[in-house]
């Protein structure tokens, strides 16, 4: 398999895409060493500086590892940064479904594990949400509340995943606030969720989280059915 030469334009971005694609396809496996910089540059038809910058970006994302005096090795088959950029480009229905999965489990764990500090952070966020005078401020506080719930879960992997998904979370919050066809979760709905977490009731916390998001999902599903 040979790499195709790149068209002029954003050469670094194209080089990144090309190299990422070859790694994801399995041309180079985890632990394999890439061809030397000069060989890659010749194959791609770009300068060594362009290749160096593309490798630097992929190393920063964790896909490659550069070992001084030894070469560049494949560290992972997937570029986590690109994965989450792709997530952000998905439909809002898909994003809400993922939020539902992440946040229901986060709420269940938060009800079991929350600390007084966690409760204080959630309470502050909901107070800010309730008193917000404009949409941007309301979205900010709403997002902080859900982040506080996820932190209270005590699950580091879940926290990191949610952090990467944060832009999509923010977009779904904004859409449910702006779109008149999507039911808007009320302040009272959020307060009830906080109370369930405060009372350490995992099942109720899960149920209320679903209650926050399911109406919007159902409305979107009904809209798509009508459109079809």
N, C-alpha and C. Protein backbone atom coordinates (compact mmCIF):
# COMPACT_ATOMS: atom_id res chain seq x y z
N UNK A 1 0.85 -1.19 0.00
CA UNK A 1 0.00 0.00 0.00
C UNK A 1 0.89 1.24 0.00
N UNK A 2 0.58 2.20 -0.86
CA UNK A 2 1.41 3.40 -0.91
C UNK A 2 0.57 4.61 -0.56
N UNK A 3 1.19 5.55 0.13
CA UNK A 3 0.50 6.79 0.48
C UNK A 3 0.43 7.69 -0.73
N UNK A 4 -0.75 8.30 -0.96
CA UNK A 4 -0.87 9.20 -2.08
C UNK A 4 -0.28 10.56 -1.78
N UNK A 5 0.29 11.20 -2.80
CA UNK A 5 0.84 12.53 -2.61
C UNK A 5 -0.29 13.51 -2.34
N UNK A 6 0.03 14.52 -1.56
CA UNK A 6 -1.00 15.45 -1.10
C UNK A 6 -1.16 16.63 -2.03
N UNK A 7 -2.38 17.11 -2.13
CA UNK A 7 -2.63 18.34 -2.85
C UNK A 7 -2.20 19.52 -2.01
N UNK A 8 -1.88 20.61 -2.68
CA UNK A 8 -1.52 21.81 -1.95
C UNK A 8 -2.74 22.33 -1.22
N UNK A 9 -2.53 23.04 -0.16
CA UNK A 9 -3.61 23.55 0.68
C UNK A 9 -3.15 23.46 2.10
N UNK A 10 -3.96 22.92 2.94
CA UNK A 10 -3.56 22.73 4.33
C UNK A 10 -2.78 21.43 4.42
N UNK A 11 -1.51 21.49 4.08
CA UNK A 11 -0.70 20.29 3.97
C UNK A 11 -0.55 19.54 5.29
N UNK A 12 -0.38 20.28 6.38
CA UNK A 12 -0.22 19.63 7.67
C UNK A 12 -1.48 18.87 8.03
N UNK A 13 -2.65 19.53 7.87
CA UNK A 13 -3.92 18.85 8.19
C UNK A 13 -4.12 17.61 7.34
N UNK A 14 -3.78 17.72 6.05
CA UNK A 14 -3.95 16.58 5.16
C UNK A 14 -2.98 15.47 5.51
N UNK A 15 -1.76 15.85 5.88
CA UNK A 15 -0.77 14.85 6.30
C UNK A 15 -1.24 14.12 7.57
N UNK A 16 -1.81 14.88 8.50
CA UNK A 16 -2.34 14.29 9.73
C UNK A 16 -3.44 13.28 9.39
N UNK A 17 -4.39 13.70 8.53
CA UNK A 17 -5.49 12.84 8.15
C UNK A 17 -4.99 11.57 7.47
N UNK A 18 -4.00 11.74 6.59
CA UNK A 18 -3.46 10.61 5.85
C UNK A 18 -2.76 9.62 6.78
N UNK A 19 -1.90 10.13 7.64
CA UNK A 19 -1.19 9.25 8.57
C UNK A 19 -2.15 8.58 9.55
N UNK A 20 -3.12 9.34 10.07
CA UNK A 20 -4.11 8.77 10.99
C UNK A 20 -4.88 7.64 10.32
N UNK A 21 -5.27 7.87 9.06
CA UNK A 21 -6.02 6.86 8.34
C UNK A 21 -5.23 5.58 8.14
N UNK A 22 -3.95 5.72 7.84
CA UNK A 22 -3.11 4.54 7.64
C UNK A 22 -2.95 3.74 8.94
N UNK A 23 -2.84 4.44 10.05
CA UNK A 23 -2.70 3.75 11.34
C UNK A 23 -4.01 3.07 11.70
N UNK A 24 -5.13 3.77 11.52
CA UNK A 24 -6.44 3.19 11.84
C UNK A 24 -6.75 1.99 10.97
N UNK A 25 -6.24 1.99 9.73
CA UNK A 25 -6.50 0.88 8.82
C UNK A 25 -5.65 -0.34 9.14
N UNK A 26 -4.64 -0.15 9.98
CA UNK A 26 -3.79 -1.27 10.37
C UNK A 26 -2.51 -1.39 9.58
N UNK A 27 -2.20 -0.42 8.73
CA UNK A 27 -0.94 -0.49 7.98
C UNK A 27 0.24 -0.59 8.93
N UNK A 28 0.20 0.22 9.98
CA UNK A 28 1.20 0.14 11.04
C UNK A 28 0.47 -0.23 12.33
N UNK A 29 0.90 -1.28 12.99
CA UNK A 29 0.27 -1.71 14.22
C UNK A 29 0.88 -1.03 15.43
N UNK A 30 0.21 -1.17 16.57
CA UNK A 30 0.74 -0.62 17.81
C UNK A 30 2.11 -1.23 18.08
N UNK A 31 3.08 -0.36 18.33
CA UNK A 31 4.45 -0.81 18.56
C UNK A 31 5.33 -0.75 17.34
N UNK A 32 4.73 -0.59 16.14
CA UNK A 32 5.53 -0.50 14.92
C UNK A 32 6.21 0.86 14.82
N UNK A 33 7.37 0.86 14.18
CA UNK A 33 8.06 2.12 13.94
C UNK A 33 7.69 2.63 12.55
N UNK A 34 7.38 3.92 12.46
CA UNK A 34 7.06 4.53 11.18
C UNK A 34 8.33 4.67 10.33
N UNK A 35 8.17 4.78 9.02
CA UNK A 35 9.33 5.09 8.18
C UNK A 35 9.97 6.40 8.64
N UNK A 36 11.22 6.58 8.30
CA UNK A 36 11.92 7.79 8.73
C UNK A 36 11.28 9.01 8.09
N UNK A 37 11.51 10.13 8.70
CA UNK A 37 10.89 11.39 8.28
C UNK A 37 11.10 11.67 6.79
N UNK A 38 12.32 11.48 6.31
CA UNK A 38 12.62 11.77 4.90
C UNK A 38 11.81 10.88 3.97
N UNK A 39 11.63 9.62 4.34
CA UNK A 39 10.87 8.70 3.49
C UNK A 39 9.39 9.08 3.46
N UNK A 40 8.84 9.45 4.62
CA UNK A 40 7.45 9.88 4.66
C UNK A 40 7.24 11.15 3.84
N UNK A 41 8.17 12.07 3.97
CA UNK A 41 8.06 13.33 3.23
C UNK A 41 8.08 13.08 1.72
N UNK A 42 8.95 12.19 1.28
CA UNK A 42 9.04 11.88 -0.15
C UNK A 42 7.78 11.21 -0.65
N UNK A 43 7.25 10.27 0.13
CA UNK A 43 6.04 9.54 -0.27
C UNK A 43 4.83 10.46 -0.35
N UNK A 44 4.73 11.36 0.63
CA UNK A 44 3.60 12.29 0.68
C UNK A 44 3.76 13.48 -0.25
N UNK A 45 4.98 13.72 -0.68
CA UNK A 45 5.22 14.87 -1.55
C UNK A 45 5.19 16.19 -0.82
N UNK A 46 5.62 16.18 0.45
CA UNK A 46 5.65 17.40 1.24
C UNK A 46 7.03 17.55 1.87
N UNK A 47 7.22 18.66 2.55
CA UNK A 47 8.50 18.89 3.19
C UNK A 47 8.64 18.06 4.46
N UNK A 48 9.86 17.91 4.91
CA UNK A 48 10.09 17.21 6.17
C UNK A 48 9.49 17.99 7.33
N UNK A 49 9.47 19.33 7.22
CA UNK A 49 8.86 20.14 8.28
C UNK A 49 7.36 19.83 8.41
N UNK A 50 6.68 19.62 7.27
CA UNK A 50 5.26 19.29 7.30
C UNK A 50 5.04 17.95 7.99
N UNK A 51 5.86 16.96 7.63
CA UNK A 51 5.76 15.65 8.26
C UNK A 51 6.04 15.76 9.75
N UNK A 52 7.06 16.53 10.10
CA UNK A 52 7.43 16.68 11.52
C UNK A 52 6.27 17.27 12.32
N UNK A 53 5.60 18.27 11.74
CA UNK A 53 4.48 18.90 12.45
C UNK A 53 3.30 17.92 12.57
N UNK A 54 3.02 17.15 11.51
CA UNK A 54 1.93 16.17 11.57
C UNK A 54 2.21 15.12 12.63
N UNK A 55 3.44 14.66 12.69
CA UNK A 55 3.82 13.66 13.70
C UNK A 55 3.70 14.26 15.10
N UNK A 56 4.09 15.52 15.25
CA UNK A 56 4.01 16.18 16.55
C UNK A 56 2.57 16.23 17.04
N UNK A 57 1.63 16.57 16.15
CA UNK A 57 0.22 16.65 16.52
C UNK A 57 -0.31 15.27 16.92
N UNK A 58 0.03 14.25 16.15
CA UNK A 58 -0.45 12.90 16.47
C UNK A 58 0.21 12.34 17.73
N UNK A 59 1.42 12.78 18.00
CA UNK A 59 2.07 12.38 19.26
C UNK A 59 1.39 13.05 20.44
N UNK A 60 1.00 14.30 20.25
CA UNK A 60 0.30 15.03 21.32
C UNK A 60 -1.04 14.38 21.63
N UNK A 61 -1.70 13.83 20.61
CA UNK A 61 -3.00 13.18 20.82
C UNK A 61 -2.86 11.78 21.40
N UNK A 62 -1.63 11.28 21.46
CA UNK A 62 -1.41 9.96 22.04
C UNK A 62 -1.37 8.83 21.04
N UNK A 63 -1.48 9.17 19.77
CA UNK A 63 -1.49 8.13 18.74
C UNK A 63 -0.08 7.66 18.39
N UNK A 64 0.87 8.57 18.43
CA UNK A 64 2.26 8.27 18.13
C UNK A 64 3.14 8.59 19.33
N UNK A 65 4.32 8.02 19.34
CA UNK A 65 5.30 8.32 20.38
C UNK A 65 6.65 8.50 19.70
N UNK A 66 7.27 9.65 19.92
CA UNK A 66 8.58 9.93 19.34
C UNK A 66 9.66 9.66 20.38
N UNK A 67 10.57 8.77 20.03
CA UNK A 67 11.66 8.41 20.94
C UNK A 67 12.95 9.01 20.42
N UNK A 68 13.53 9.87 21.20
CA UNK A 68 14.72 10.59 20.80
C UNK A 68 15.82 9.62 20.37
N UNK A 69 16.30 9.82 19.13
CA UNK A 69 17.39 9.01 18.62
C UNK A 69 16.99 7.63 18.16
N UNK A 70 15.68 7.32 18.22
CA UNK A 70 15.24 5.97 17.86
C UNK A 70 14.19 5.98 16.77
N UNK A 71 13.29 6.94 16.77
CA UNK A 71 12.26 7.01 15.75
C UNK A 71 10.88 7.27 16.33
N UNK A 72 9.89 7.14 15.48
CA UNK A 72 8.50 7.38 15.88
C UNK A 72 7.73 6.08 15.81
N UNK A 73 7.02 5.77 16.89
CA UNK A 73 6.31 4.50 17.02
C UNK A 73 4.81 4.73 17.20
N UNK A 74 4.03 3.76 16.74
CA UNK A 74 2.58 3.81 16.92
C UNK A 74 2.26 3.43 18.36
N UNK A 75 1.54 4.31 19.03
CA UNK A 75 1.19 4.08 20.43
C UNK A 75 -0.25 3.61 20.59
N UNK A 76 -1.13 4.05 19.67
CA UNK A 76 -2.56 3.68 19.76
C UNK A 76 -3.15 3.67 18.36
N UNK A 77 -4.15 2.81 18.15
CA UNK A 77 -4.79 2.70 16.84
C UNK A 77 -5.81 3.81 16.61
N UNK A 78 -6.23 4.48 17.68
CA UNK A 78 -7.27 5.50 17.55
C UNK A 78 -6.78 6.83 18.10
N UNK A 79 -7.15 7.90 17.42
CA UNK A 79 -6.85 9.26 17.86
C UNK A 79 -8.05 9.74 18.68
N UNK A 80 -7.89 9.79 20.01
CA UNK A 80 -9.03 10.13 20.87
C UNK A 80 -9.58 11.51 20.57
N UNK A 81 -8.70 12.46 20.25
CA UNK A 81 -9.18 13.80 19.93
C UNK A 81 -10.07 13.81 18.70
N UNK A 82 -9.70 13.07 17.69
CA UNK A 82 -10.50 13.00 16.47
C UNK A 82 -11.82 12.29 16.72
N UNK A 83 -11.79 11.26 17.56
CA UNK A 83 -13.03 10.55 17.88
C UNK A 83 -14.06 11.50 18.45
N UNK A 84 -13.63 12.36 19.37
CA UNK A 84 -14.59 13.25 20.00
C UNK A 84 -14.96 14.43 19.11
N UNK A 85 -14.09 14.79 18.17
CA UNK A 85 -14.49 15.78 17.18
C UNK A 85 -15.58 15.20 16.29
N UNK A 86 -15.48 13.91 15.99
CA UNK A 86 -16.52 13.27 15.19
C UNK A 86 -17.84 13.22 15.97
N UNK A 87 -17.74 12.96 17.26
CA UNK A 87 -18.95 12.94 18.10
C UNK A 87 -19.66 14.28 18.02
N UNK A 88 -18.88 15.37 18.07
CA UNK A 88 -19.49 16.70 18.04
C UNK A 88 -20.22 16.98 16.73
N UNK A 89 -19.88 16.24 15.68
CA UNK A 89 -20.53 16.45 14.40
C UNK A 89 -21.75 15.55 14.21
N UNK A 90 -22.05 14.71 15.20
CA UNK A 90 -23.20 13.83 15.08
C UNK A 90 -24.50 14.59 15.35
N UNK A 91 -25.62 13.94 15.04
CA UNK A 91 -26.93 14.57 15.22
C UNK A 91 -27.25 14.74 16.70
N UNK A 92 -28.07 15.73 16.99
CA UNK A 92 -28.42 16.02 18.39
C UNK A 92 -29.14 14.83 19.03
N UNK A 93 -29.90 14.07 18.26
CA UNK A 93 -30.58 12.90 18.81
C UNK A 93 -29.55 11.91 19.35
N UNK A 94 -28.51 11.66 18.57
CA UNK A 94 -27.45 10.73 19.01
C UNK A 94 -26.74 11.27 20.24
N UNK A 95 -26.50 12.58 20.26
CA UNK A 95 -25.81 13.19 21.40
C UNK A 95 -26.66 13.09 22.67
N UNK A 96 -27.95 13.29 22.53
CA UNK A 96 -28.84 13.18 23.70
C UNK A 96 -28.89 11.75 24.21
N UNK A 97 -28.87 10.78 23.30
CA UNK A 97 -28.85 9.39 23.74
C UNK A 97 -27.59 9.08 24.54
N UNK A 98 -26.46 9.60 24.08
CA UNK A 98 -25.21 9.38 24.82
C UNK A 98 -25.26 10.08 26.17
N UNK A 99 -25.78 11.31 26.18
CA UNK A 99 -25.94 12.02 27.46
C UNK A 99 -26.80 11.19 28.42
N UNK A 100 -27.86 10.62 27.91
CA UNK A 100 -28.76 9.83 28.75
C UNK A 100 -28.00 8.65 29.38
N UNK A 101 -27.20 7.98 28.57
CA UNK A 101 -26.43 6.84 29.08
C UNK A 101 -25.42 7.27 30.15
N UNK A 102 -24.69 8.34 29.85
CA UNK A 102 -23.65 8.79 30.77
C UNK A 102 -24.24 9.36 32.06
N UNK A 103 -25.26 10.20 31.92
CA UNK A 103 -25.75 10.94 33.07
C UNK A 103 -26.63 10.11 34.00
N UNK A 104 -27.33 9.11 33.46
CA UNK A 104 -28.12 8.27 34.37
C UNK A 104 -27.20 7.46 35.28
N UNK A 105 -26.12 6.94 34.72
CA UNK A 105 -25.19 6.18 35.56
C UNK A 105 -24.44 7.11 36.51
N UNK A 106 -24.09 8.30 36.03
CA UNK A 106 -23.42 9.27 36.90
C UNK A 106 -24.30 9.64 38.08
N UNK A 107 -25.59 9.86 37.81
CA UNK A 107 -26.52 10.23 38.89
C UNK A 107 -26.66 9.10 39.91
N UNK A 108 -26.72 7.87 39.42
CA UNK A 108 -26.83 6.72 40.34
C UNK A 108 -25.61 6.65 41.26
N UNK A 109 -24.43 6.78 40.67
CA UNK A 109 -23.21 6.72 41.47
C UNK A 109 -23.08 7.93 42.40
N UNK A 110 -23.50 9.09 41.89
CA UNK A 110 -23.41 10.31 42.71
C UNK A 110 -24.28 10.19 43.95
N UNK A 111 -25.45 9.57 43.81
CA UNK A 111 -26.34 9.39 44.97
C UNK A 111 -25.70 8.49 46.02
N UNK A 112 -24.86 7.60 45.59
CA UNK A 112 -24.19 6.69 46.52
C UNK A 112 -22.95 7.30 47.14
N UNK A 113 -22.26 8.17 46.39
CA UNK A 113 -20.90 8.56 46.78
C UNK A 113 -20.73 10.06 47.07
N UNK A 114 -21.75 10.86 46.86
CA UNK A 114 -21.58 12.32 46.95
C UNK A 114 -21.07 12.74 48.32
N UNK A 115 -20.28 13.80 48.30
CA UNK A 115 -19.78 14.40 49.53
C UNK A 115 -20.52 15.71 49.77
N UNK A 116 -20.30 16.31 50.91
CA UNK A 116 -20.90 17.62 51.18
C UNK A 116 -20.37 18.67 50.21
N UNK A 117 -19.12 18.53 49.84
CA UNK A 117 -18.53 19.46 48.86
C UNK A 117 -19.22 19.32 47.50
N UNK A 118 -19.51 18.07 47.12
CA UNK A 118 -20.23 17.84 45.86
C UNK A 118 -21.62 18.49 45.91
N UNK A 119 -22.31 18.29 47.01
CA UNK A 119 -23.65 18.87 47.15
C UNK A 119 -23.61 20.39 47.09
N UNK A 120 -22.58 20.97 47.68
CA UNK A 120 -22.44 22.43 47.65
C UNK A 120 -22.23 22.92 46.22
N UNK A 121 -21.43 22.19 45.44
CA UNK A 121 -21.18 22.58 44.05
C UNK A 121 -22.46 22.49 43.22
N UNK A 122 -23.23 21.43 43.43
CA UNK A 122 -24.49 21.27 42.70
C UNK A 122 -25.49 22.35 43.09
N UNK A 123 -25.57 22.63 44.38
CA UNK A 123 -26.50 23.64 44.87
C UNK A 123 -26.16 25.01 44.32
N UNK A 124 -24.87 25.34 44.30
CA UNK A 124 -24.43 26.63 43.75
C UNK A 124 -24.78 26.73 42.27
N UNK A 125 -24.55 25.63 41.51
CA UNK A 125 -24.83 25.64 40.08
C UNK A 125 -26.32 25.83 39.80
N UNK A 126 -27.17 25.16 40.58
CA UNK A 126 -28.61 25.30 40.36
C UNK A 126 -29.11 26.69 40.75
N UNK A 127 -28.51 27.25 41.78
CA UNK A 127 -28.89 28.63 42.16
C UNK A 127 -28.54 29.58 41.03
N UNK A 128 -27.36 29.39 40.45
CA UNK A 128 -26.95 30.22 39.31
C UNK A 128 -27.86 30.03 38.12
N UNK A 129 -28.24 28.78 37.86
CA UNK A 129 -29.15 28.49 36.75
C UNK A 129 -30.49 29.19 36.96
N UNK A 130 -30.99 29.13 38.17
CA UNK A 130 -32.30 29.69 38.46
C UNK A 130 -32.36 31.20 38.39
N UNK A 131 -31.22 31.85 38.65
CA UNK A 131 -31.20 33.31 38.67
C UNK A 131 -30.58 33.92 37.41
N UNK A 132 -30.21 33.07 36.44
CA UNK A 132 -29.55 33.57 35.23
C UNK A 132 -30.48 34.50 34.46
N UNK A 133 -29.90 35.61 33.99
CA UNK A 133 -30.70 36.59 33.28
C UNK A 133 -30.63 36.49 31.77
N UNK A 134 -29.77 35.61 31.26
CA UNK A 134 -29.67 35.43 29.81
C UNK A 134 -29.34 33.98 29.51
N UNK A 135 -29.51 33.60 28.26
CA UNK A 135 -29.36 32.20 27.86
C UNK A 135 -27.96 31.67 28.09
N UNK A 136 -26.93 32.44 27.70
CA UNK A 136 -25.56 31.96 27.84
C UNK A 136 -25.21 31.65 29.30
N UNK A 137 -25.64 32.53 30.19
CA UNK A 137 -25.37 32.33 31.62
C UNK A 137 -26.12 31.10 32.12
N UNK A 138 -27.35 30.93 31.68
CA UNK A 138 -28.15 29.78 32.10
C UNK A 138 -27.50 28.48 31.63
N UNK A 139 -27.03 28.47 30.37
CA UNK A 139 -26.37 27.28 29.83
C UNK A 139 -25.10 26.97 30.61
N UNK A 140 -24.35 28.03 30.95
CA UNK A 140 -23.11 27.85 31.73
C UNK A 140 -23.39 27.14 33.06
N UNK A 141 -24.39 27.65 33.79
CA UNK A 141 -24.70 27.07 35.10
C UNK A 141 -25.31 25.68 34.98
N UNK A 142 -26.12 25.49 33.95
CA UNK A 142 -26.71 24.17 33.71
C UNK A 142 -25.60 23.14 33.47
N UNK A 143 -24.65 23.50 32.63
CA UNK A 143 -23.54 22.61 32.34
C UNK A 143 -22.72 22.33 33.61
N UNK A 144 -22.51 23.36 34.42
CA UNK A 144 -21.76 23.17 35.67
C UNK A 144 -22.47 22.19 36.60
N UNK A 145 -23.80 22.25 36.62
CA UNK A 145 -24.54 21.33 37.47
C UNK A 145 -24.30 19.89 37.05
N UNK A 146 -24.44 19.62 35.76
CA UNK A 146 -24.28 18.25 35.28
C UNK A 146 -22.83 17.77 35.45
N UNK A 147 -21.88 18.68 35.28
CA UNK A 147 -20.48 18.31 35.52
C UNK A 147 -20.27 17.97 36.99
N UNK A 148 -20.92 18.71 37.88
CA UNK A 148 -20.79 18.44 39.31
C UNK A 148 -21.38 17.08 39.67
N UNK A 149 -22.48 16.71 39.01
CA UNK A 149 -23.07 15.39 39.25
C UNK A 149 -22.09 14.30 38.81
N UNK A 150 -21.48 14.49 37.65
CA UNK A 150 -20.53 13.49 37.14
C UNK A 150 -19.31 13.39 38.06
N UNK A 151 -18.82 14.54 38.54
CA UNK A 151 -17.68 14.50 39.47
C UNK A 151 -18.04 13.75 40.74
N UNK A 152 -19.28 13.93 41.20
CA UNK A 152 -19.72 13.28 42.44
C UNK A 152 -19.79 11.76 42.28
N UNK A 153 -19.82 11.27 41.04
CA UNK A 153 -19.85 9.83 40.82
C UNK A 153 -18.57 9.17 41.32
N UNK A 154 -17.48 9.93 41.35
CA UNK A 154 -16.21 9.39 41.80
C UNK A 154 -15.54 8.45 40.82
N UNK A 155 -16.10 8.35 39.61
CA UNK A 155 -15.54 7.45 38.59
C UNK A 155 -14.68 8.27 37.64
N UNK A 156 -13.37 8.09 37.72
CA UNK A 156 -12.45 8.91 36.96
C UNK A 156 -12.62 8.72 35.45
N UNK A 157 -12.84 7.49 35.03
CA UNK A 157 -13.02 7.22 33.60
C UNK A 157 -14.27 7.92 33.07
N UNK A 158 -15.35 7.87 33.85
CA UNK A 158 -16.58 8.54 33.46
C UNK A 158 -16.38 10.05 33.40
N UNK A 159 -15.64 10.59 34.34
CA UNK A 159 -15.36 12.03 34.35
C UNK A 159 -14.59 12.45 33.11
N UNK A 160 -13.57 11.67 32.73
CA UNK A 160 -12.77 12.00 31.56
C UNK A 160 -13.60 11.90 30.29
N UNK A 161 -14.41 10.85 30.19
CA UNK A 161 -15.26 10.69 29.01
C UNK A 161 -16.24 11.85 28.90
N UNK A 162 -16.84 12.24 30.02
CA UNK A 162 -17.80 13.34 30.02
C UNK A 162 -17.11 14.66 29.67
N UNK A 163 -15.88 14.81 30.14
CA UNK A 163 -15.14 16.04 29.84
C UNK A 163 -14.90 16.17 28.34
N UNK A 164 -14.55 15.06 27.68
CA UNK A 164 -14.36 15.09 26.24
C UNK A 164 -15.66 15.37 25.51
N UNK A 165 -16.77 14.95 26.10
CA UNK A 165 -18.08 15.10 25.48
C UNK A 165 -18.72 16.46 25.81
N UNK A 166 -17.99 17.31 26.52
CA UNK A 166 -18.56 18.53 27.08
C UNK A 166 -19.16 19.46 26.03
N UNK A 167 -18.51 19.61 24.88
CA UNK A 167 -19.04 20.51 23.86
C UNK A 167 -20.40 20.05 23.36
N UNK A 168 -20.55 18.74 23.21
CA UNK A 168 -21.84 18.21 22.77
C UNK A 168 -22.90 18.38 23.86
N UNK A 169 -22.50 18.20 25.12
CA UNK A 169 -23.44 18.43 26.23
C UNK A 169 -23.94 19.87 26.19
N UNK A 170 -23.02 20.78 26.02
CA UNK A 170 -23.39 22.20 25.99
C UNK A 170 -24.34 22.49 24.84
N UNK A 171 -24.07 21.87 23.68
CA UNK A 171 -24.92 22.10 22.52
C UNK A 171 -26.33 21.55 22.76
N UNK A 172 -26.44 20.38 23.37
CA UNK A 172 -27.77 19.83 23.63
C UNK A 172 -28.53 20.67 24.65
N UNK A 173 -27.81 21.20 25.64
CA UNK A 173 -28.47 22.10 26.61
C UNK A 173 -29.01 23.32 25.90
N UNK A 174 -28.18 23.91 25.05
CA UNK A 174 -28.60 25.12 24.33
C UNK A 174 -29.80 24.83 23.42
N UNK A 175 -29.76 23.70 22.73
CA UNK A 175 -30.85 23.38 21.82
C UNK A 175 -32.17 23.18 22.56
N UNK A 176 -32.13 22.50 23.71
CA UNK A 176 -33.38 22.29 24.45
C UNK A 176 -33.91 23.59 25.03
N UNK A 177 -33.02 24.55 25.27
CA UNK A 177 -33.45 25.85 25.77
C UNK A 177 -34.02 26.72 24.65
N UNK A 178 -33.47 26.58 23.43
CA UNK A 178 -33.84 27.47 22.33
C UNK A 178 -34.97 26.93 21.46
N UNK A 179 -34.94 25.63 21.21
CA UNK A 179 -35.88 25.03 20.26
C UNK A 179 -37.25 24.85 20.91
N UNK A 180 -38.25 25.53 20.35
CA UNK A 180 -39.59 25.47 20.94
C UNK A 180 -40.24 24.10 20.80
N UNK A 181 -39.70 23.26 19.91
CA UNK A 181 -40.25 21.92 19.73
C UNK A 181 -39.67 20.91 20.72
N UNK A 182 -38.63 21.30 21.45
CA UNK A 182 -38.00 20.39 22.41
C UNK A 182 -38.39 20.79 23.83
N UNK A 183 -38.93 19.86 24.60
CA UNK A 183 -39.30 20.19 25.99
C UNK A 183 -38.08 20.64 26.79
N UNK A 184 -38.23 21.71 27.50
CA UNK A 184 -37.12 22.26 28.29
C UNK A 184 -37.19 21.73 29.73
N UNK A 185 -36.13 21.04 30.19
CA UNK A 185 -36.11 20.58 31.58
C UNK A 185 -36.21 21.79 32.51
N UNK A 186 -37.10 21.74 33.45
CA UNK A 186 -37.37 22.89 34.31
C UNK A 186 -36.38 22.97 35.47
N UNK A 187 -36.40 24.11 36.13
CA UNK A 187 -35.59 24.28 37.33
C UNK A 187 -36.04 23.29 38.41
N UNK A 188 -37.36 23.09 38.50
CA UNK A 188 -37.89 22.15 39.49
C UNK A 188 -37.41 20.72 39.22
N UNK A 189 -37.33 20.34 37.95
CA UNK A 189 -36.82 19.01 37.59
C UNK A 189 -35.39 18.83 38.09
N UNK A 190 -34.57 19.85 37.91
CA UNK A 190 -33.18 19.79 38.36
C UNK A 190 -33.11 19.74 39.89
N UNK A 191 -33.95 20.52 40.53
CA UNK A 191 -33.95 20.55 42.00
C UNK A 191 -34.34 19.18 42.57
N UNK A 192 -35.29 18.51 41.92
CA UNK A 192 -35.70 17.19 42.38
C UNK A 192 -34.55 16.18 42.24
N UNK A 193 -33.80 16.29 41.15
CA UNK A 193 -32.65 15.42 40.97
C UNK A 193 -31.62 15.66 42.06
N UNK A 194 -31.33 16.92 42.35
CA UNK A 194 -30.39 17.24 43.41
C UNK A 194 -30.87 16.66 44.74
N UNK A 195 -32.18 16.75 45.01
CA UNK A 195 -32.71 16.23 46.27
C UNK A 195 -32.54 14.71 46.36
N UNK A 196 -32.74 14.01 45.25
CA UNK A 196 -32.55 12.56 45.25
C UNK A 196 -31.10 12.19 45.53
N UNK A 197 -30.18 12.97 44.98
CA UNK A 197 -28.76 12.73 45.25
C UNK A 197 -28.44 13.05 46.71
N UNK A 198 -29.03 14.13 47.19
CA UNK A 198 -28.81 14.51 48.59
C UNK A 198 -29.34 13.42 49.53
N UNK A 199 -30.47 12.84 49.18
CA UNK A 199 -31.08 11.80 50.01
C UNK A 199 -30.46 10.42 49.79
N UNK A 200 -29.48 10.36 48.91
CA UNK A 200 -28.77 9.11 48.60
C UNK A 200 -29.73 8.02 48.14
N UNK A 201 -30.54 8.40 47.12
CA UNK A 201 -31.51 7.48 46.53
C UNK A 201 -31.10 7.22 45.07
N UNK A 202 -30.27 6.20 44.81
CA UNK A 202 -29.74 5.97 43.46
C UNK A 202 -30.82 5.71 42.41
N UNK A 203 -31.82 4.91 42.74
CA UNK A 203 -32.86 4.58 41.77
C UNK A 203 -33.66 5.82 41.37
N UNK A 204 -33.97 6.66 42.35
CA UNK A 204 -34.72 7.88 42.05
C UNK A 204 -33.86 8.86 41.26
N UNK A 205 -32.59 8.93 41.57
CA UNK A 205 -31.69 9.82 40.83
C UNK A 205 -31.61 9.39 39.37
N UNK A 206 -31.54 8.09 39.12
CA UNK A 206 -31.55 7.60 37.74
C UNK A 206 -32.86 7.94 37.04
N UNK A 207 -33.96 7.70 37.73
CA UNK A 207 -35.28 7.96 37.13
C UNK A 207 -35.44 9.42 36.77
N UNK A 208 -35.03 10.31 37.66
CA UNK A 208 -35.19 11.74 37.42
C UNK A 208 -34.26 12.23 36.31
N UNK A 209 -33.10 11.63 36.19
CA UNK A 209 -32.20 12.01 35.09
C UNK A 209 -32.83 11.63 33.75
N UNK A 210 -33.41 10.44 33.70
CA UNK A 210 -34.12 10.05 32.48
C UNK A 210 -35.29 11.00 32.20
N UNK A 211 -35.95 11.42 33.26
CA UNK A 211 -37.07 12.35 33.12
C UNK A 211 -36.61 13.69 32.53
N UNK A 212 -35.37 14.09 32.82
CA UNK A 212 -34.84 15.34 32.27
C UNK A 212 -34.65 15.26 30.76
N UNK A 213 -34.18 14.12 30.27
CA UNK A 213 -33.73 14.03 28.88
C UNK A 213 -34.69 13.30 27.94
N UNK A 214 -35.45 12.35 28.46
CA UNK A 214 -36.32 11.55 27.58
C UNK A 214 -37.36 12.37 26.81
N UNK A 215 -37.98 13.40 27.42
CA UNK A 215 -38.96 14.16 26.64
C UNK A 215 -38.38 14.76 25.36
N UNK A 216 -37.16 15.27 25.42
CA UNK A 216 -36.53 15.83 24.22
C UNK A 216 -36.24 14.74 23.20
N UNK A 217 -35.75 13.60 23.68
CA UNK A 217 -35.50 12.47 22.77
C UNK A 217 -36.79 12.01 22.09
N UNK A 218 -37.84 11.90 22.88
CA UNK A 218 -39.13 11.47 22.32
C UNK A 218 -39.66 12.48 21.31
N UNK A 219 -39.47 13.77 21.61
CA UNK A 219 -39.94 14.81 20.69
C UNK A 219 -39.17 14.76 19.38
N UNK A 220 -37.85 14.55 19.44
CA UNK A 220 -37.04 14.45 18.23
C UNK A 220 -37.43 13.22 17.43
N UNK A 221 -37.66 12.11 18.12
CA UNK A 221 -38.05 10.88 17.42
C UNK A 221 -39.39 11.06 16.72
N UNK A 222 -40.33 11.70 17.38
CA UNK A 222 -41.64 11.96 16.78
C UNK A 222 -41.52 12.88 15.57
N UNK A 223 -40.62 13.88 15.69
CA UNK A 223 -40.42 14.83 14.59
C UNK A 223 -39.85 14.11 13.39
N UNK A 224 -38.87 13.22 13.59
CA UNK A 224 -38.27 12.48 12.48
C UNK A 224 -39.30 11.56 11.84
N UNK A 225 -40.14 10.94 12.67
CA UNK A 225 -41.17 10.04 12.14
C UNK A 225 -42.15 10.79 11.25
N UNK A 226 -42.51 12.00 11.68
CA UNK A 226 -43.45 12.84 10.92
C UNK A 226 -42.81 13.30 9.60
N UNK A 227 -41.51 13.65 9.70
CA UNK A 227 -40.79 14.13 8.52
C UNK A 227 -40.64 13.03 7.48
N UNK A 228 -40.47 11.78 7.95
CA UNK A 228 -40.31 10.67 7.03
C UNK A 228 -41.64 10.33 6.35
